[in-house]
Structure formats: structure tokens, C-alpha cells
Amino acid sequence: MTDTPASQPPGWYYAQGDPPGTQRYWDGTQWQGGPQAVGTQPGAMGMGGPENNLASPWARLGARILDGLILLIPTLLVVFLIGGSGLGGFGADAGTSFALNFIGTIISTAIAVGYEFYFLSKDGATIGKKALNIKVVFEDGSAIGQDGAIKRLILTALQVIPIIGAIISFVVGLATIIMIFADKRRQVPADKVAKTLVINS
């Protein structure tokens, strides 16, 4: 592929050797992702690619709240079944209480990770994101699939680590709220790790 648009700004262009009627995303330095049929490039809104179609911070926060409400039911069920995680295990000693908390954290995190992985790997959007008409794509606008979903969930999975996990959860949560407004591409920590963007669908 030698005819790269070296003098062109980031955008979708035909790349030599690709099938006719397709374009690839040029980031200003190199080609990103595979060829996409003209007019069907994910998130392509003119020459700027997915960056011109970024979801608003409020839509992203709204989607997160909806997903949180959906996950609240199974989380409360876990708390009830293990005897009140975080409530001392209904009179259990300190060691047993810690064990119950740890088990509860693992199960709750597994539920959250499983929920996000299933929907993100399937079509890039959880139920909350679908309701707000937004989705997750790679920076080149292509679908994230299982690989991207796993990368986005790494920081969430780390929350199961005793003590450190709580610190990670707090720091990542705070950074997410700040970066969703302050970052020029609205990339939060999960987006930085997975190299993804959240766009309007």
C-alpha cells in the first residue's frame, strides 16, 4: 500500500491494493484498520472520521447510570445470598466477614464484567448505551469485538484485588468523570487502554 495520502488530513481514503469501492482511515501518519465500503464506515462523518461523531458527556453518563440500575438487581441479590456483604456477615467474625466481602466483590465484579463484555463484544453497546443511541468503536471507527471489549474491562476486573481494588475503583471513577469532559476526544481511562471512542450510533 504505497499511495498513502501523506499530505492529507485524517480521514477516509482509498488505499491502493484494497477492493474497489472501499476506503481506509488515514490518521495523518498511517493507515488504521481494514477497508470499509464507501458510505458505511463506522462513525465516519466527513473527513474527521469518528472524532466528528463523539457522544456527548451527558449521554455517556446517562448510559452509565442506566447500566448501573440494571446491574443493581443482581448485585443486591448477591449481597443478600452471601449474608450481607459489607454488613459484617450477620454477626460473623472479622475473618469470615472479610471473606464474605471478598467473595461478594468477586461475584459482583464478574456480573458487571460479564454484562459489559457480552453486549460490547456483540455490537459495541450495552443496554444503557443503546437507550442513549451511542456505541463504542476503535479509534479508526471499526467494531471493537471481543478483543476491544476485554481491553476496556481490564481496569474494572482489577477492582477485585483486596484494598488496592477499592483504590483503583475510586481513582478510575474520578478520572472518568473528569476526562469525559476534559479530554478532547472524551476518552476515559478504559478508552485510553483499549484505544476506543464512544460515538453516536
N, C-alpha and C. Protein backbone atom coordinates (compact mmCIF):
# COMPACT_ATOMS: atom_id res chain seq x y z
N MET A 1 0.85 -1.17 0.00
CA MET A 1 0.00 0.00 0.00
C MET A 1 0.89 1.23 0.00
N THR A 2 1.19 1.75 -1.18
CA THR A 2 2.19 2.81 -1.28
C THR A 2 1.60 4.19 -1.51
N ASP A 3 0.35 4.26 -1.94
CA ASP A 3 -0.20 5.58 -2.25
C ASP A 3 -0.89 6.19 -1.03
N THR A 4 -0.19 6.29 0.07
CA THR A 4 -0.77 6.90 1.27
C THR A 4 -0.93 8.40 1.04
N PRO A 5 -2.04 8.98 1.52
CA PRO A 5 -2.28 10.42 1.32
C PRO A 5 -1.46 11.23 2.31
N ALA A 6 -0.13 11.23 2.12
CA ALA A 6 0.79 11.82 3.09
C ALA A 6 0.47 13.28 3.39
N SER A 7 -0.03 14.01 2.41
CA SER A 7 -0.30 15.43 2.61
C SER A 7 -1.74 15.69 3.02
N GLN A 8 -2.51 14.62 3.22
CA GLN A 8 -3.93 14.77 3.53
C GLN A 8 -4.17 14.76 5.04
N PRO A 9 -5.20 15.45 5.49
CA PRO A 9 -5.57 15.41 6.91
C PRO A 9 -6.20 14.06 7.23
N PRO A 10 -6.36 13.73 8.51
CA PRO A 10 -7.01 12.46 8.87
C PRO A 10 -8.38 12.33 8.21
N GLY A 11 -8.68 11.15 7.72
CA GLY A 11 -9.96 10.93 7.09
C GLY A 11 -10.00 9.60 6.37
N TRP A 12 -11.06 9.36 5.64
CA TRP A 12 -11.25 8.10 4.90
C TRP A 12 -10.84 8.29 3.46
N TYR A 13 -9.94 7.40 2.97
CA TYR A 13 -9.43 7.48 1.61
C TYR A 13 -9.31 6.07 1.03
N TYR A 14 -9.26 6.02 -0.32
CA TYR A 14 -9.00 4.74 -0.97
C TYR A 14 -7.52 4.41 -0.83
N ALA A 15 -7.20 3.15 -0.50
CA ALA A 15 -5.81 2.71 -0.37
C ALA A 15 -5.51 1.71 -1.48
N GLN A 16 -4.40 1.93 -2.17
CA GLN A 16 -4.01 1.05 -3.27
C GLN A 16 -3.93 -0.40 -2.80
N GLY A 17 -4.51 -1.28 -3.58
CA GLY A 17 -4.50 -2.70 -3.25
C GLY A 17 -5.78 -3.16 -2.57
N ASP A 18 -6.58 -2.22 -2.06
CA ASP A 18 -7.86 -2.58 -1.44
C ASP A 18 -8.92 -2.78 -2.52
N PRO A 19 -10.02 -3.47 -2.21
CA PRO A 19 -11.09 -3.67 -3.19
C PRO A 19 -11.68 -2.34 -3.64
N PRO A 20 -12.12 -2.26 -4.88
CA PRO A 20 -12.78 -1.04 -5.36
C PRO A 20 -14.00 -0.72 -4.51
N GLY A 21 -14.27 0.55 -4.35
CA GLY A 21 -15.43 0.97 -3.59
C GLY A 21 -15.24 0.94 -2.09
N THR A 22 -13.97 0.83 -1.64
CA THR A 22 -13.70 0.82 -0.20
C THR A 22 -12.74 1.95 0.16
N GLN A 23 -12.69 2.25 1.44
CA GLN A 23 -11.76 3.25 1.96
C GLN A 23 -11.21 2.77 3.30
N ARG A 24 -10.03 3.27 3.63
CA ARG A 24 -9.44 3.03 4.95
C ARG A 24 -9.32 4.37 5.66
N TYR A 25 -9.16 4.30 6.99
CA TYR A 25 -8.99 5.54 7.75
C TYR A 25 -7.51 5.91 7.84
N TRP A 26 -7.18 7.09 7.40
CA TRP A 26 -5.83 7.64 7.46
C TRP A 26 -5.75 8.60 8.63
N ASP A 27 -4.87 8.33 9.63
CA ASP A 27 -4.84 9.16 10.84
C ASP A 27 -3.89 10.35 10.72
N GLY A 28 -3.39 10.58 9.52
CA GLY A 28 -2.46 11.68 9.30
C GLY A 28 -1.02 11.20 9.22
N THR A 29 -0.78 9.96 9.69
CA THR A 29 0.55 9.38 9.67
C THR A 29 0.57 8.01 9.01
N GLN A 30 -0.45 7.19 9.32
CA GLN A 30 -0.50 5.84 8.77
C GLN A 30 -1.94 5.37 8.67
N TRP A 31 -2.14 4.27 7.92
CA TRP A 31 -3.46 3.68 7.79
C TRP A 31 -3.85 2.98 9.08
N GLN A 32 -5.14 3.05 9.42
CA GLN A 32 -5.67 2.39 10.61
C GLN A 32 -6.82 1.47 10.21
N GLY A 33 -6.81 0.24 10.72
CA GLY A 33 -7.91 -0.68 10.47
C GLY A 33 -7.95 -1.20 9.05
N GLY A 34 -9.02 -1.92 8.73
CA GLY A 34 -9.18 -2.51 7.42
C GLY A 34 -10.06 -1.68 6.51
N PRO A 35 -10.20 -2.10 5.26
CA PRO A 35 -11.04 -1.35 4.32
C PRO A 35 -12.51 -1.45 4.67
N GLN A 36 -13.22 -0.35 4.45
CA GLN A 36 -14.66 -0.29 4.71
C GLN A 36 -15.35 0.18 3.44
N ALA A 37 -16.53 -0.36 3.16
CA ALA A 37 -17.29 0.07 1.99
C ALA A 37 -17.62 1.55 2.10
N VAL A 38 -17.47 2.27 0.99
CA VAL A 38 -17.75 3.71 0.99
C VAL A 38 -19.19 3.96 1.43
N GLY A 39 -19.34 4.88 2.37
CA GLY A 39 -20.67 5.24 2.87
C GLY A 39 -21.12 4.42 4.06
N THR A 40 -20.34 3.38 4.41
CA THR A 40 -20.72 2.54 5.56
C THR A 40 -19.66 2.54 6.65
N GLN A 41 -18.66 3.40 6.52
CA GLN A 41 -17.60 3.43 7.52
C GLN A 41 -18.19 3.77 8.88
N PRO A 42 -17.94 2.94 9.91
CA PRO A 42 -18.50 3.20 11.25
C PRO A 42 -18.06 4.55 11.78
N GLY A 43 -19.01 5.40 12.10
CA GLY A 43 -18.69 6.68 12.70
C GLY A 43 -18.13 7.69 11.73
N ALA A 44 -18.04 7.38 10.45
CA ALA A 44 -17.45 8.32 9.51
C ALA A 44 -18.41 9.46 9.25
N MET A 45 -18.03 10.64 9.66
CA MET A 45 -18.84 11.83 9.46
C MET A 45 -17.98 12.86 8.76
N GLY A 46 -17.69 12.62 7.48
CA GLY A 46 -16.84 13.53 6.76
C GLY A 46 -15.39 13.17 6.95
N MET A 47 -14.49 14.14 6.76
CA MET A 47 -13.07 13.86 6.74
C MET A 47 -12.50 13.58 8.11
N GLY A 48 -13.20 13.91 9.19
CA GLY A 48 -12.63 13.73 10.51
C GLY A 48 -12.84 12.35 11.11
N GLY A 49 -13.56 11.47 10.41
CA GLY A 49 -13.79 10.14 10.94
C GLY A 49 -14.63 10.17 12.20
N PRO A 50 -14.47 9.17 13.07
CA PRO A 50 -15.31 9.06 14.26
C PRO A 50 -15.20 10.25 15.21
N GLU A 51 -14.07 10.97 15.16
CA GLU A 51 -13.91 12.12 16.06
C GLU A 51 -14.98 13.19 15.84
N ASN A 52 -15.58 13.22 14.65
CA ASN A 52 -16.63 14.19 14.35
C ASN A 52 -18.00 13.73 14.82
N ASN A 53 -18.05 12.55 15.43
CA ASN A 53 -19.34 12.00 15.84
C ASN A 53 -19.31 11.53 17.30
N LEU A 54 -18.50 12.16 18.12
CA LEU A 54 -18.35 11.76 19.51
C LEU A 54 -19.64 11.93 20.29
N ALA A 55 -19.93 10.95 21.14
CA ALA A 55 -21.10 11.04 22.01
C ALA A 55 -20.88 12.13 23.05
N SER A 56 -21.94 12.79 23.46
CA SER A 56 -21.82 13.84 24.47
C SER A 56 -21.51 13.24 25.84
N PRO A 57 -20.85 14.02 26.69
CA PRO A 57 -20.58 13.51 28.06
C PRO A 57 -21.86 13.12 28.79
N TRP A 58 -22.93 13.89 28.57
CA TRP A 58 -24.17 13.63 29.29
C TRP A 58 -24.82 12.33 28.83
N ALA A 59 -24.71 12.03 27.52
CA ALA A 59 -25.25 10.76 27.03
C ALA A 59 -24.48 9.60 27.62
N ARG A 60 -23.16 9.76 27.74
CA ARG A 60 -22.33 8.69 28.30
C ARG A 60 -22.64 8.48 29.78
N LEU A 61 -22.79 9.57 30.52
CA LEU A 61 -23.12 9.45 31.94
C LEU A 61 -24.51 8.84 32.12
N GLY A 62 -25.45 9.25 31.27
CA GLY A 62 -26.81 8.69 31.34
C GLY A 62 -26.82 7.20 31.08
N ALA A 63 -26.02 6.78 30.09
CA ALA A 63 -25.93 5.36 29.77
C ALA A 63 -25.33 4.58 30.93
N ARG A 64 -24.31 5.16 31.58
CA ARG A 64 -23.68 4.51 32.72
C ARG A 64 -24.65 4.36 33.88
N ILE A 65 -25.49 5.38 34.11
CA ILE A 65 -26.48 5.32 35.18
C ILE A 65 -27.51 4.22 34.89
N LEU A 66 -27.96 4.15 33.65
CA LEU A 66 -28.94 3.11 33.28
C LEU A 66 -28.35 1.72 33.46
N ASP A 67 -27.10 1.54 33.03
CA ASP A 67 -26.45 0.24 33.20
C ASP A 67 -26.29 -0.09 34.68
N GLY A 68 -25.97 0.93 35.48
CA GLY A 68 -25.83 0.73 36.92
C GLY A 68 -27.13 0.27 37.56
N LEU A 69 -28.24 0.85 37.11
CA LEU A 69 -29.55 0.45 37.65
C LEU A 69 -29.88 -0.99 37.24
N ILE A 70 -29.51 -1.35 36.02
CA ILE A 70 -29.75 -2.73 35.56
C ILE A 70 -28.95 -3.73 36.39
N LEU A 71 -27.69 -3.36 36.69
CA LEU A 71 -26.82 -4.25 37.45
C LEU A 71 -27.12 -4.25 38.94
N LEU A 72 -27.91 -3.27 39.39
CA LEU A 72 -28.21 -3.16 40.82
C LEU A 72 -28.98 -4.39 41.33
N ILE A 73 -29.88 -4.90 40.52
CA ILE A 73 -30.70 -6.04 40.95
C ILE A 73 -29.85 -7.29 41.23
N PRO A 74 -29.02 -7.75 40.28
CA PRO A 74 -28.20 -8.92 40.59
C PRO A 74 -27.18 -8.66 41.69
N THR A 75 -26.71 -7.40 41.80
CA THR A 75 -25.75 -7.08 42.85
C THR A 75 -26.38 -7.20 44.23
N LEU A 76 -27.59 -6.67 44.39
CA LEU A 76 -28.30 -6.76 45.67
C LEU A 76 -28.62 -8.22 45.99
N LEU A 77 -28.90 -8.99 44.96
CA LEU A 77 -29.19 -10.42 45.17
C LEU A 77 -27.95 -11.13 45.72
N VAL A 78 -26.78 -10.79 45.17
CA VAL A 78 -25.53 -11.37 45.65
C VAL A 78 -25.31 -11.01 47.11
N VAL A 79 -25.51 -9.73 47.45
CA VAL A 79 -25.34 -9.28 48.84
C VAL A 79 -26.25 -10.06 49.78
N PHE A 80 -27.48 -10.27 49.36
CA PHE A 80 -28.43 -10.99 50.19
C PHE A 80 -28.03 -12.46 50.36
N LEU A 81 -27.62 -13.08 49.27
CA LEU A 81 -27.31 -14.51 49.30
C LEU A 81 -26.08 -14.84 50.13
N ILE A 82 -25.10 -13.95 50.16
CA ILE A 82 -23.89 -14.26 50.93
C ILE A 82 -23.97 -13.71 52.35
N GLY A 83 -25.13 -13.22 52.72
CA GLY A 83 -25.32 -12.82 54.11
C GLY A 83 -25.00 -11.38 54.41
N GLY A 84 -25.18 -10.49 53.42
CA GLY A 84 -24.98 -9.07 53.69
C GLY A 84 -23.54 -8.65 53.57
N SER A 85 -22.98 -8.70 52.38
CA SER A 85 -21.61 -8.26 52.17
C SER A 85 -21.45 -6.83 52.66
N GLY A 86 -20.43 -6.61 53.46
CA GLY A 86 -20.18 -5.27 53.98
C GLY A 86 -20.95 -4.99 55.25
N LEU A 87 -21.78 -5.94 55.69
CA LEU A 87 -22.58 -5.73 56.90
C LEU A 87 -22.13 -6.65 58.02
N GLY A 88 -20.89 -7.13 57.90
CA GLY A 88 -20.36 -7.98 58.95
C GLY A 88 -20.83 -9.42 58.87
N GLY A 89 -21.45 -9.78 57.78
CA GLY A 89 -21.88 -11.17 57.61
C GLY A 89 -22.87 -11.61 58.67
N PHE A 90 -23.74 -10.68 59.12
CA PHE A 90 -24.75 -11.02 60.11
C PHE A 90 -24.13 -11.65 61.36
N GLY A 91 -23.17 -10.97 61.96
CA GLY A 91 -22.59 -11.43 63.21
C GLY A 91 -21.37 -12.29 63.04
N ALA A 92 -20.90 -12.46 61.81
CA ALA A 92 -19.70 -13.28 61.59
C ALA A 92 -18.49 -12.57 62.15
N ASP A 93 -17.42 -13.33 62.49
CA ASP A 93 -16.20 -12.70 62.99
C ASP A 93 -15.50 -11.96 61.85
N ALA A 94 -14.42 -11.25 62.20
CA ALA A 94 -13.76 -10.38 61.23
C ALA A 94 -13.23 -11.16 60.03
N GLY A 95 -12.65 -12.33 60.27
CA GLY A 95 -12.10 -13.13 59.18
C GLY A 95 -13.18 -13.59 58.22
N THR A 96 -14.28 -14.07 58.78
CA THR A 96 -15.39 -14.52 57.95
C THR A 96 -16.01 -13.36 57.20
N SER A 97 -16.13 -12.20 57.88
CA SER A 97 -16.69 -11.02 57.24
C SER A 97 -15.85 -10.58 56.05
N PHE A 98 -14.52 -10.60 56.22
CA PHE A 98 -13.62 -10.23 55.11
C PHE A 98 -13.79 -11.18 53.95
N ALA A 99 -13.89 -12.47 54.27
CA ALA A 99 -14.05 -13.48 53.22
C ALA A 99 -15.35 -13.27 52.46
N LEU A 100 -16.43 -12.97 53.20
CA LEU A 100 -17.72 -12.73 52.56
C LEU A 100 -17.65 -11.51 51.67
N ASN A 101 -17.00 -10.44 52.16
CA ASN A 101 -16.85 -9.24 51.36
C ASN A 101 -16.08 -9.53 50.07
N PHE A 102 -15.01 -10.30 50.21
CA PHE A 102 -14.17 -10.61 49.06
C PHE A 102 -14.95 -11.44 48.03
N ILE A 103 -15.68 -12.43 48.51
CA ILE A 103 -16.49 -13.26 47.62
C ILE A 103 -17.56 -12.42 46.93
N GLY A 104 -18.19 -11.55 47.71
CA GLY A 104 -19.22 -10.67 47.15
C GLY A 104 -18.65 -9.76 46.07
N THR A 105 -17.44 -9.23 46.33
CA THR A 105 -16.80 -8.35 45.35
C THR A 105 -16.49 -9.10 44.06
N ILE A 106 -15.97 -10.32 44.21
CA ILE A 106 -15.64 -11.13 43.02
C ILE A 106 -16.89 -11.41 42.19
N ILE A 107 -17.97 -11.83 42.85
CA ILE A 107 -19.19 -12.18 42.14
C ILE A 107 -19.81 -10.95 41.48
N SER A 108 -19.87 -9.84 42.23
CA SER A 108 -20.46 -8.61 41.69
C SER A 108 -19.65 -8.09 40.50
N THR A 109 -18.33 -8.14 40.62
CA THR A 109 -17.47 -7.69 39.52
C THR A 109 -17.62 -8.60 38.31
N ALA A 110 -17.71 -9.91 38.57
CA ALA A 110 -17.89 -10.86 37.47
C ALA A 110 -19.20 -10.60 36.73
N ILE A 111 -20.25 -10.27 37.47
CA ILE A 111 -21.54 -9.96 36.84
C ILE A 111 -21.40 -8.71 35.96
N ALA A 112 -20.77 -7.67 36.51
CA ALA A 112 -20.60 -6.42 35.76
C ALA A 112 -19.74 -6.62 34.52
N VAL A 113 -18.62 -7.34 34.68
CA VAL A 113 -17.72 -7.60 33.56
C VAL A 113 -18.41 -8.46 32.50
N GLY A 114 -19.13 -9.49 32.95
CA GLY A 114 -19.83 -10.36 32.01
C GLY A 114 -20.89 -9.61 31.22
N TYR A 115 -21.62 -8.74 31.91
CA TYR A 115 -22.66 -7.92 31.27
C TYR A 115 -22.06 -7.04 30.18
N GLU A 116 -21.00 -6.30 30.56
CA GLU A 116 -20.36 -5.38 29.61
C GLU A 116 -19.72 -6.15 28.46
N PHE A 117 -19.03 -7.24 28.78
CA PHE A 117 -18.35 -8.00 27.73
C PHE A 117 -19.34 -8.54 26.70
N TYR A 118 -20.44 -9.09 27.18
CA TYR A 118 -21.42 -9.68 26.26
C TYR A 118 -21.94 -8.63 25.27
N PHE A 119 -22.40 -7.50 25.79
CA PHE A 119 -23.01 -6.50 24.91
C PHE A 119 -21.97 -5.72 24.09
N LEU A 120 -20.83 -5.39 24.68
CA LEU A 120 -19.82 -4.64 23.93
C LEU A 120 -19.21 -5.48 22.82
N SER A 121 -18.93 -6.75 23.09
CA SER A 121 -18.33 -7.60 22.07
C SER A 121 -19.32 -7.93 20.97
N LYS A 122 -20.61 -7.90 21.30
CA LYS A 122 -21.64 -8.23 20.33
C LYS A 122 -21.86 -7.09 19.33
N ASP A 123 -22.15 -5.89 19.83
CA ASP A 123 -22.39 -4.77 18.92
C ASP A 123 -21.91 -3.43 19.46
N GLY A 124 -21.00 -3.47 20.43
CA GLY A 124 -20.37 -2.23 20.89
C GLY A 124 -21.22 -1.37 21.81
N ALA A 125 -22.34 -1.88 22.29
CA ALA A 125 -23.20 -1.06 23.13
C ALA A 125 -23.94 -1.90 24.16
N THR A 126 -23.88 -1.46 25.41
CA THR A 126 -24.68 -2.08 26.46
C THR A 126 -26.13 -1.62 26.32
N ILE A 127 -27.00 -2.11 27.17
CA ILE A 127 -28.40 -1.70 27.12
C ILE A 127 -28.51 -0.19 27.36
N GLY A 128 -27.74 0.32 28.31
CA GLY A 128 -27.77 1.75 28.58
C GLY A 128 -27.31 2.57 27.39
N LYS A 129 -26.24 2.13 26.74
CA LYS A 129 -25.74 2.84 25.56
C LYS A 129 -26.73 2.79 24.41
N LYS A 130 -27.38 1.63 24.23
CA LYS A 130 -28.38 1.51 23.17
C LYS A 130 -29.53 2.48 23.42
N ALA A 131 -29.94 2.61 24.66
CA ALA A 131 -31.04 3.51 25.01
C ALA A 131 -30.71 4.96 24.70
N LEU A 132 -29.42 5.31 24.81
CA LEU A 132 -28.98 6.69 24.54
C LEU A 132 -28.40 6.83 23.13
N ASN A 133 -28.50 5.78 22.33
CA ASN A 133 -28.04 5.80 20.94
C ASN A 133 -26.56 6.14 20.81
N ILE A 134 -25.73 5.47 21.61
CA ILE A 134 -24.29 5.63 21.49
C ILE A 134 -23.65 4.24 21.48
N LYS A 135 -22.42 4.15 21.01
CA LYS A 135 -21.72 2.87 20.98
C LYS A 135 -20.22 3.08 21.03
N VAL A 136 -19.50 1.99 21.31
CA VAL A 136 -18.04 2.03 21.40
C VAL A 136 -17.44 1.47 20.12
N VAL A 137 -16.45 2.18 19.58
CA VAL A 137 -15.71 1.70 18.40
C VAL A 137 -14.23 1.93 18.63
N PHE A 138 -13.39 1.27 17.82
CA PHE A 138 -11.98 1.56 17.86
C PHE A 138 -11.75 2.97 17.30
N GLU A 139 -10.56 3.51 17.52
CA GLU A 139 -10.26 4.86 17.08
C GLU A 139 -10.40 5.04 15.57
N ASP A 140 -10.27 3.96 14.82
CA ASP A 140 -10.43 4.05 13.38
C ASP A 140 -11.88 3.88 12.94
N GLY A 141 -12.77 3.71 13.90
CA GLY A 141 -14.18 3.58 13.60
C GLY A 141 -14.66 2.16 13.43
N SER A 142 -13.77 1.17 13.52
CA SER A 142 -14.16 -0.22 13.33
C SER A 142 -14.74 -0.81 14.62
N ALA A 143 -15.49 -1.91 14.47
CA ALA A 143 -16.13 -2.57 15.61
C ALA A 143 -15.07 -3.12 16.57
N ILE A 144 -15.33 -3.05 17.88
CA ILE A 144 -14.32 -3.45 18.86
C ILE A 144 -14.25 -4.96 19.06
N GLY A 145 -15.36 -5.68 18.88
CA GLY A 145 -15.34 -7.13 19.04
C GLY A 145 -14.90 -7.56 20.44
N GLN A 146 -14.52 -8.82 20.57
CA GLN A 146 -14.13 -9.36 21.87
C GLN A 146 -12.81 -8.76 22.37
N ASP A 147 -11.87 -8.55 21.45
CA ASP A 147 -10.56 -8.02 21.83
C ASP A 147 -10.69 -6.65 22.49
N GLY A 148 -11.44 -5.77 21.85
CA GLY A 148 -11.63 -4.43 22.40
C GLY A 148 -12.41 -4.44 23.69
N ALA A 149 -13.42 -5.31 23.77
CA ALA A 149 -14.23 -5.40 24.99
C ALA A 149 -13.37 -5.83 26.17
N ILE A 150 -12.49 -6.82 25.95
CA ILE A 150 -11.61 -7.29 27.02
C ILE A 150 -10.70 -6.17 27.50
N LYS A 151 -10.11 -5.43 26.57
CA LYS A 151 -9.20 -4.35 26.94
C LYS A 151 -9.91 -3.26 27.73
N ARG A 152 -11.15 -2.96 27.35
CA ARG A 152 -11.90 -1.92 28.05
C ARG A 152 -12.25 -2.34 29.48
N LEU A 153 -12.27 -3.64 29.75
CA LEU A 153 -12.71 -4.14 31.05
C LEU A 153 -11.57 -4.50 31.99
N ILE A 154 -10.34 -4.29 31.55
CA ILE A 154 -9.18 -4.62 32.39
C ILE A 154 -9.22 -3.87 33.71
N LEU A 155 -9.46 -2.57 33.67
CA LEU A 155 -9.46 -1.76 34.89
C LEU A 155 -10.61 -2.16 35.82
N THR A 156 -11.74 -2.54 35.25
CA THR A 156 -12.87 -2.98 36.06
C THR A 156 -12.53 -4.28 36.78
N ALA A 157 -11.88 -5.20 36.07
CA ALA A 157 -11.53 -6.50 36.64
C ALA A 157 -10.54 -6.36 37.80
N LEU A 158 -9.70 -5.33 37.76
CA LEU A 158 -8.70 -5.13 38.82
C LEU A 158 -9.33 -4.76 40.16
N GLN A 159 -10.61 -4.40 40.14
CA GLN A 159 -11.28 -3.99 41.37
C GLN A 159 -11.44 -5.13 42.36
N VAL A 160 -11.23 -6.36 41.93
CA VAL A 160 -11.39 -7.50 42.84
C VAL A 160 -10.18 -7.65 43.78
N ILE A 161 -9.08 -6.96 43.49
CA ILE A 161 -7.90 -7.06 44.34
C ILE A 161 -8.21 -6.41 45.69
N PRO A 162 -8.03 -7.14 46.79
CA PRO A 162 -8.34 -6.58 48.11
C PRO A 162 -7.60 -5.26 48.36
N ILE A 163 -8.29 -4.30 48.91
CA ILE A 163 -7.79 -2.97 49.29
C ILE A 163 -7.36 -2.16 48.06
N ILE A 164 -6.38 -2.67 47.31
CA ILE A 164 -5.90 -1.95 46.13
C ILE A 164 -7.03 -1.76 45.13
N GLY A 165 -7.89 -2.77 45.02
CA GLY A 165 -9.00 -2.69 44.08
C GLY A 165 -9.92 -1.52 44.38
N ALA A 166 -10.16 -1.26 45.66
CA ALA A 166 -11.02 -0.13 46.05
C ALA A 166 -10.37 1.19 45.66
N ILE A 167 -9.05 1.27 45.81
CA ILE A 167 -8.32 2.49 45.43
C ILE A 167 -8.38 2.68 43.92
N ILE A 168 -8.16 1.59 43.18
CA ILE A 168 -8.23 1.65 41.71
C ILE A 168 -9.61 2.11 41.28
N SER A 169 -10.64 1.53 41.90
CA SER A 169 -12.02 1.88 41.55
C SER A 169 -12.28 3.37 41.77
N PHE A 170 -11.81 3.91 42.90
CA PHE A 170 -12.03 5.32 43.21
C PHE A 170 -11.29 6.22 42.21
N VAL A 171 -10.00 5.91 41.98
CA VAL A 171 -9.18 6.74 41.08
C VAL A 171 -9.73 6.71 39.66
N VAL A 172 -10.06 5.50 39.17
CA VAL A 172 -10.59 5.37 37.81
C VAL A 172 -11.94 6.07 37.68
N GLY A 173 -12.79 5.93 38.71
CA GLY A 173 -14.09 6.59 38.67
C GLY A 173 -13.97 8.10 38.62
N LEU A 174 -13.06 8.65 39.45
CA LEU A 174 -12.85 10.10 39.46
C LEU A 174 -12.26 10.57 38.13
N ALA A 175 -11.27 9.83 37.63
CA ALA A 175 -10.63 10.19 36.35
C ALA A 175 -11.64 10.13 35.21
N THR A 176 -12.55 9.16 35.27
CA THR A 176 -13.55 9.02 34.22
C THR A 176 -14.45 10.24 34.15
N ILE A 177 -14.92 10.69 35.31
CA ILE A 177 -15.80 11.87 35.34
C ILE A 177 -15.08 13.10 34.81
N ILE A 178 -13.82 13.26 35.18
CA ILE A 178 -13.05 14.44 34.73
C ILE A 178 -12.76 14.35 33.24
N MET A 179 -12.26 13.20 32.80
CA MET A 179 -11.81 13.06 31.41
C MET A 179 -12.95 13.06 30.41
N ILE A 180 -14.13 12.64 30.82
CA ILE A 180 -15.26 12.61 29.90
C ILE A 180 -15.64 14.02 29.46
N PHE A 181 -15.26 15.01 30.30
CA PHE A 181 -15.50 16.40 29.95
C PHE A 181 -14.23 17.10 29.45
N ALA A 182 -13.08 16.75 30.02
CA ALA A 182 -11.85 17.49 29.74
C ALA A 182 -11.06 16.98 28.55
N ASP A 183 -11.10 15.67 28.29
CA ASP A 183 -10.31 15.11 27.19
C ASP A 183 -10.91 15.53 25.85
N LYS A 184 -10.08 15.95 24.91
CA LYS A 184 -10.60 16.47 23.64
C LYS A 184 -11.32 15.41 22.82
N ARG A 185 -10.99 14.14 23.05
CA ARG A 185 -11.68 13.05 22.36
C ARG A 185 -12.63 12.31 23.30
N ARG A 186 -12.79 12.89 24.52
CA ARG A 186 -13.67 12.32 25.55
C ARG A 186 -13.32 10.88 25.86
N GLN A 187 -12.02 10.59 25.82
CA GLN A 187 -11.56 9.25 26.16
C GLN A 187 -11.29 9.15 27.65
N VAL A 188 -11.97 8.23 28.30
CA VAL A 188 -11.78 7.97 29.73
C VAL A 188 -10.70 6.88 29.84
N PRO A 189 -10.27 6.53 31.07
CA PRO A 189 -9.21 5.52 31.21
C PRO A 189 -9.44 4.24 30.41
N ALA A 190 -10.66 3.71 30.41
CA ALA A 190 -10.95 2.48 29.66
C ALA A 190 -10.72 2.69 28.17
N ASP A 191 -11.07 3.88 27.66
CA ASP A 191 -10.84 4.18 26.24
C ASP A 191 -9.36 4.27 25.93
N LYS A 192 -8.60 4.87 26.85
CA LYS A 192 -7.15 5.00 26.62
C LYS A 192 -6.50 3.63 26.54
N VAL A 193 -6.91 2.73 27.43
CA VAL A 193 -6.32 1.37 27.46
C VAL A 193 -6.66 0.61 26.17
N ALA A 194 -7.93 0.70 25.76
CA ALA A 194 -8.39 -0.09 24.61
C ALA A 194 -8.27 0.65 23.28
N LYS A 195 -7.91 1.95 23.33
CA LYS A 195 -7.84 2.78 22.11
C LYS A 195 -9.20 2.81 21.41
N THR A 196 -10.21 3.19 22.20
CA THR A 196 -11.57 3.26 21.67
C THR A 196 -12.14 4.66 21.80
N LEU A 197 -13.25 4.88 21.10
CA LEU A 197 -14.01 6.12 21.19
C LEU A 197 -15.47 5.74 21.39
N VAL A 198 -16.23 6.63 22.02
CA VAL A 198 -17.67 6.41 22.15
C VAL A 198 -18.35 7.43 21.24
N ILE A 199 -19.13 6.93 20.28
CA ILE A 199 -19.73 7.79 19.27
C ILE A 199 -21.25 7.63 19.26
N ASN A 200 -21.91 8.56 18.58
CA ASN A 200 -23.35 8.44 18.36
C ASN A 200 -23.60 7.33 17.35
N SER A 201 -24.59 6.50 17.63
CA SER A 201 -24.87 5.38 16.72
C SER A 201 -26.02 5.69 15.77
